Amino acid sequence: MRIGDRLPAFQLENQYGERVLSDDLSLGRTLLVFYPWAFSRVCGSELAQLQENLSLFQDRDVRLLAISVDHKFALRSYAEQTGIEFELLADFWPHGGLASSVDAFDAERGVARRVSLLNEGGVVVDRFESALTEPRTLQRYVQALGRLGVEES
């Protein structure tokens, strides 16, 4: 998936079992943050940093959605234990289906790669990633948000 591409059609459940449809995301701004596993050291620190800086996204009306191949029940437990308030989506079945469709799946390991897709109106306006063992930096998220051309409130 590249800048300028439209998000594919999908339907996933969040940590509360609520369905999130791609059609719902085509109206506003979203940041899809693919990550390998809940309860892992690197993922935990990366998602905690996003939680600590949630206002960066909220101030720009960006809906933050973190996506892994974990089951929704594991994601709910993870969110409760770590205090994550944004949505965690389960790309559980078909295993990694959405990650595969946006070129964010590591088939060898069976997990999502660390790929972020910033979308406006269902169209990718920025895409970036880091190695499986390295978190994406907050600076890179801020740079991506700058592509929206909206100043902080």
C-alpha atoms as a PDB file:
ATOM      1  CA  MET A   1       0.000   0.000   0.000  1.00  0.00           C
ATOM      2  CA  ARG A   2       1.380   3.372  -1.053  1.00  0.00           C
ATOM      3  CA  ILE A   3       0.554   7.032  -0.557  1.00  0.00           C
ATOM      4  CA  GLY A   4      -2.507   7.875  -2.642  1.00  0.00           C
ATOM      5  CA  ASP A   5      -4.005   4.366  -2.419  1.00  0.00           C
ATOM      6  CA  ARG A   6      -7.490   3.839  -0.984  1.00  0.00           C
ATOM      7  CA  LEU A   7      -7.863   1.612   2.056  1.00  0.00           C
ATOM      8  CA  PRO A   8      -9.194  -1.840   1.177  1.00  0.00           C
ATOM      9  CA  ALA A   9     -12.621  -2.920   2.394  1.00  0.00           C
ATOM     10  CA  PHE A  10     -12.413  -4.631   5.783  1.00  0.00           C
ATOM     11  CA  GLN A  11     -14.263  -5.402   8.965  1.00  0.00           C
ATOM     12  CA  LEU A  12     -12.464  -6.059  12.252  1.00  0.00           C
ATOM     13  CA  GLU A  13     -13.498  -6.165  15.895  1.00  0.00           C
ATOM     14  CA  ASN A  14     -11.985  -3.965  18.555  1.00  0.00           C
ATOM     15  CA  GLN A  15     -11.086  -5.062  22.082  1.00  0.00           C
ATOM     16  CA  TYR A  16     -14.758  -4.700  23.114  1.00  0.00           C
ATOM     17  CA  GLY A  17     -16.113  -6.828  20.273  1.00  0.00           C
ATOM     18  CA  GLU A  18     -17.449  -3.794  18.391  1.00  0.00           C
ATOM     19  CA  ARG A  19     -17.154  -3.968  14.619  1.00  0.00           C
ATOM     20  CA  VAL A  20     -15.022  -1.391  12.863  1.00  0.00           C
ATOM     21  CA  LEU A  21     -15.726  -1.111   9.147  1.00  0.00           C
ATOM     22  CA  SER A  22     -13.497   0.441   6.524  1.00  0.00           C
ATOM     23  CA  ASP A  23     -16.530   2.447   5.398  1.00  0.00           C
ATOM     24  CA  ASP A  24     -16.542   4.139   8.824  1.00  0.00           C
ATOM     25  CA  LEU A  25     -12.951   5.234   8.258  1.00  0.00           C
ATOM     26  CA  SER A  26     -13.520   6.700   4.809  1.00  0.00           C
ATOM     27  CA  LEU A  27     -15.184   9.809   6.229  1.00  0.00           C
ATOM     28  CA  GLY A  28     -12.485  11.159   8.509  1.00  0.00           C
ATOM     29  CA  ARG A  29      -8.867  10.865   9.520  1.00  0.00           C
ATOM     30  CA  THR A  30      -7.400   7.655  10.863  1.00  0.00           C
ATOM     31  CA  LEU A  31      -4.022   6.317  11.776  1.00  0.00           C
ATOM     32  CA  LEU A  32      -3.689   2.563  11.398  1.00  0.00           C
ATOM     33  CA  VAL A  33      -0.779   1.349  13.524  1.00  0.00           C
ATOM     34  CA  PHE A  34       0.107  -2.266  12.775  1.00  0.00           C
ATOM     35  CA  TYR A  35       2.202  -4.025  15.407  1.00  0.00           C
ATOM     36  CA  PRO A  36       3.260  -7.662  15.963  1.00  0.00           C
ATOM     37  CA  TRP A  37       1.984  -8.690  19.408  1.00  0.00           C
ATOM     38  CA  ALA A  38       0.235  -7.432  22.490  1.00  0.00           C
ATOM     39  CA  PHE A  39       2.182  -8.093  25.699  1.00  0.00           C
ATOM     40  CA  SER A  40       5.582  -7.829  24.017  1.00  0.00           C
ATOM     41  CA  ARG A  41       8.261  -5.440  25.256  1.00  0.00           C
ATOM     42  CA  VAL A  42       8.695  -3.272  22.144  1.00  0.00           C
ATOM     43  CA  CYS A  43       4.992  -3.163  21.300  1.00  0.00           C
ATOM     44  CA  GLY A  44       4.147  -2.290  24.872  1.00  0.00           C
ATOM     45  CA  SER A  45       6.519   0.664  24.994  1.00  0.00           C
ATOM     46  CA  GLU A  46       5.422   1.894  21.588  1.00  0.00           C
ATOM     47  CA  LEU A  47       1.700   1.742  22.370  1.00  0.00           C
ATOM     48  CA  ALA A  48       2.298   3.298  25.804  1.00  0.00           C
ATOM     49  CA  GLN A  49       4.017   6.231  24.090  1.00  0.00           C
ATOM     50  CA  LEU A  50       1.018   6.660  21.783  1.00  0.00           C
ATOM     51  CA  GLN A  51      -1.312   6.586  24.795  1.00  0.00           C
ATOM     52  CA  GLU A  52       0.800   9.201  26.608  1.00  0.00           C
ATOM     53  CA  ASN A  53       0.571  11.430  23.537  1.00  0.00           C
ATOM     54  CA  LEU A  54      -3.010  10.645  22.545  1.00  0.00           C
ATOM     55  CA  SER A  55      -3.876  14.362  22.493  1.00  0.00           C
ATOM     56  CA  LEU A  56      -1.551  14.816  19.480  1.00  0.00           C
ATOM     57  CA  PHE A  57      -3.990  12.734  17.466  1.00  0.00           C
ATOM     58  CA  GLN A  58      -7.202  13.868  19.119  1.00  0.00           C
ATOM     59  CA  ASP A  59      -6.315  17.553  18.603  1.00  0.00           C
ATOM     60  CA  ARG A  60      -6.154  16.836  14.869  1.00  0.00           C
ATOM     61  CA  ASP A  61      -9.336  14.718  14.808  1.00  0.00           C
ATOM     62  CA  VAL A  62      -7.335  11.588  13.973  1.00  0.00           C
ATOM     63  CA  ARG A  63      -8.826   8.282  15.118  1.00  0.00           C
ATOM     64  CA  LEU A  64      -5.998   6.070  16.358  1.00  0.00           C
ATOM     65  CA  LEU A  65      -6.410   2.335  15.661  1.00  0.00           C
ATOM     66  CA  ALA A  66      -3.695  -0.168  16.596  1.00  0.00           C
ATOM     67  CA  ILE A  67      -3.933  -3.506  14.781  1.00  0.00           C
ATOM     68  CA  SER A  68      -2.367  -6.886  15.583  1.00  0.00           C
ATOM     69  CA  VAL A  69      -3.115 -10.534  14.894  1.00  0.00           C
ATOM     70  CA  ASP A  70      -4.063 -11.070  18.553  1.00  0.00           C
ATOM     71  CA  HIS A  71      -7.595 -12.165  19.495  1.00  0.00           C
ATOM     72  CA  LYS A  72     -10.015  -9.486  20.743  1.00  0.00           C
ATOM     73  CA  PHE A  73     -10.104 -11.066  24.218  1.00  0.00           C
ATOM     74  CA  ALA A  74      -6.308 -10.804  24.518  1.00  0.00           C
ATOM     75  CA  LEU A  75      -6.486  -7.210  23.290  1.00  0.00           C
ATOM     76  CA  ARG A  76      -9.109  -6.303  25.881  1.00  0.00           C
ATOM     77  CA  SER A  77      -6.979  -7.747  28.667  1.00  0.00           C
ATOM     78  CA  TYR A  78      -3.945  -5.936  27.279  1.00  0.00           C
ATOM     79  CA  ALA A  79      -5.772  -2.596  27.099  1.00  0.00           C
ATOM     80  CA  GLU A  80      -7.084  -2.975  30.642  1.00  0.00           C
ATOM     81  CA  GLN A  81      -3.671  -3.898  32.059  1.00  0.00           C
ATOM     82  CA  THR A  82      -1.825  -1.098  30.282  1.00  0.00           C
ATOM     83  CA  GLY A  83      -4.444   1.673  30.386  1.00  0.00           C
ATOM     84  CA  ILE A  84      -4.738   2.008  26.624  1.00  0.00           C
ATOM     85  CA  GLU A  85      -7.798   4.074  25.745  1.00  0.00           C
ATOM     86  CA  PHE A  86      -7.657   3.978  21.946  1.00  0.00           C
ATOM     87  CA  GLU A  87      -9.007   1.092  19.915  1.00  0.00           C
ATOM     88  CA  LEU A  88      -7.055  -2.126  19.438  1.00  0.00           C
ATOM     89  CA  LEU A  89      -8.290  -4.087  16.427  1.00  0.00           C
ATOM     90  CA  ALA A  90      -8.020  -7.859  16.098  1.00  0.00           C
ATOM     91  CA  ASP A  91      -6.761  -8.964  12.684  1.00  0.00           C
ATOM     92  CA  PHE A  92      -7.194 -12.469  14.020  1.00  0.00           C
ATOM     93  CA  TRP A  93      -9.225 -14.248  11.360  1.00  0.00           C
ATOM     94  CA  PRO A  94      -8.483 -14.653   8.614  1.00  0.00           C
ATOM     95  CA  HIS A  95      -5.093 -14.485  10.285  1.00  0.00           C
ATOM     96  CA  GLY A  96      -3.466 -11.191   9.306  1.00  0.00           C
ATOM     97  CA  GLY A  97      -5.973 -10.620   6.503  1.00  0.00           C
ATOM     98  CA  LEU A  98      -5.943  -6.832   6.676  1.00  0.00           C
ATOM     99  CA  ALA A  99      -2.198  -6.639   7.313  1.00  0.00           C
ATOM    100  CA  SER A 100      -1.645  -8.821   4.242  1.00  0.00           C
ATOM    101  CA  SER A 101      -3.878  -6.651   2.077  1.00  0.00           C
ATOM    102  CA  VAL A 102      -1.903  -3.488   2.920  1.00  0.00           C
ATOM    103  CA  ASP A 103       1.557  -5.108   2.669  1.00  0.00           C
ATOM    104  CA  ALA A 104       2.101  -5.076   6.433  1.00  0.00           C
ATOM    105  CA  PHE A 105       2.278  -8.815   7.176  1.00  0.00           C
ATOM    106  CA  ASP A 106       5.370 -10.865   7.942  1.00  0.00           C
ATOM    107  CA  ALA A 107       4.336 -14.271   6.598  1.00  0.00           C
ATOM    108  CA  GLU A 108       7.458 -15.955   7.958  1.00  0.00           C
ATOM    109  CA  ARG A 109       6.657 -14.947  11.550  1.00  0.00           C
ATOM    110  CA  GLY A 110       2.867 -14.826  11.148  1.00  0.00           C
ATOM    111  CA  VAL A 111       2.528 -11.295  12.559  1.00  0.00           C
ATOM    112  CA  ALA A 112       1.941  -7.747  11.421  1.00  0.00           C
ATOM    113  CA  ARG A 113       5.018  -5.674  10.676  1.00  0.00           C
ATOM    114  CA  ARG A 114       5.448  -2.236  12.285  1.00  0.00           C
ATOM    115  CA  VAL A 115       3.680  -0.277   9.557  1.00  0.00           C
ATOM    116  CA  SER A 116       1.714   2.942  10.076  1.00  0.00           C
ATOM    117  CA  LEU A 117      -0.822   4.278   7.581  1.00  0.00           C
ATOM    118  CA  LEU A 118      -2.190   7.796   8.013  1.00  0.00           C
ATOM    119  CA  ASN A 119      -5.446   8.164   6.095  1.00  0.00           C
ATOM    120  CA  GLU A 120      -7.711  11.034   5.218  1.00  0.00           C
ATOM    121  CA  GLY A 121     -11.049  10.256   3.615  1.00  0.00           C
ATOM    122  CA  GLY A 122      -9.988   6.629   3.183  1.00  0.00           C
ATOM    123  CA  VAL A 123      -6.873   7.561   1.195  1.00  0.00           C
ATOM    124  CA  VAL A 124      -3.338   6.968   2.479  1.00  0.00           C
ATOM    125  CA  VAL A 125      -1.527  10.294   2.956  1.00  0.00           C
ATOM    126  CA  ASP A 126       1.543   8.870   4.703  1.00  0.00           C
ATOM    127  CA  ARG A 127       3.091   5.432   5.235  1.00  0.00           C
ATOM    128  CA  PHE A 128       6.086   4.550   7.363  1.00  0.00           C
ATOM    129  CA  GLU A 129       7.520   1.573   9.198  1.00  0.00           C
ATOM    130  CA  SER A 130      10.302   0.375  11.423  1.00  0.00           C
ATOM    131  CA  ALA A 131      12.065  -2.923  11.989  1.00  0.00           C
ATOM    132  CA  LEU A 132      10.233  -5.558  14.002  1.00  0.00           C
ATOM    133  CA  THR A 133      12.536  -4.984  16.973  1.00  0.00           C
ATOM    134  CA  GLU A 134      12.403  -1.160  16.875  1.00  0.00           C
ATOM    135  CA  PRO A 135       9.484   1.092  17.788  1.00  0.00           C
ATOM    136  CA  ARG A 136       8.452   3.896  15.469  1.00  0.00           C
ATOM    137  CA  THR A 137       9.431   7.267  16.900  1.00  0.00           C
ATOM    138  CA  LEU A 138       7.019   9.876  18.168  1.00  0.00           C
ATOM    139  CA  GLN A 139       8.854  12.358  15.961  1.00  0.00           C
ATOM    140  CA  ARG A 140       7.868  10.328  12.894  1.00  0.00           C
ATOM    141  CA  TYR A 141       4.210  10.358  13.968  1.00  0.00           C
ATOM    142  CA  VAL A 142       4.360  14.142  14.408  1.00  0.00           C
ATOM    143  CA  GLN A 143       5.918  14.442  10.953  1.00  0.00           C
ATOM    144  CA  ALA A 144       3.092  12.343   9.490  1.00  0.00           C
ATOM    145  CA  LEU A 145       0.450  14.469  11.199  1.00  0.00           C
ATOM    146  CA  GLY A 146       2.074  17.496   9.579  1.00  0.00           C
ATOM    147  CA  ARG A 147       1.009  16.102   6.215  1.00  0.00           C
ATOM    148  CA  LEU A 148      -2.571  16.852   7.212  1.00  0.00           C
ATOM    149  CA  GLY A 149      -1.785  20.552   7.298  1.00  0.00           C
ATOM    150  CA  VAL A 150      -3.592  21.085  10.598  1.00  0.00           C
ATOM    151  CA  GLU A 151      -2.029  22.999  13.450  1.00  0.00           C
ATOM    152  CA  GLU A 152      -2.362  21.806  17.015  1.00  0.00           C
ATOM    153  CA  SER A 153      -5.418  23.159  18.851  1.00  0.00           C
END
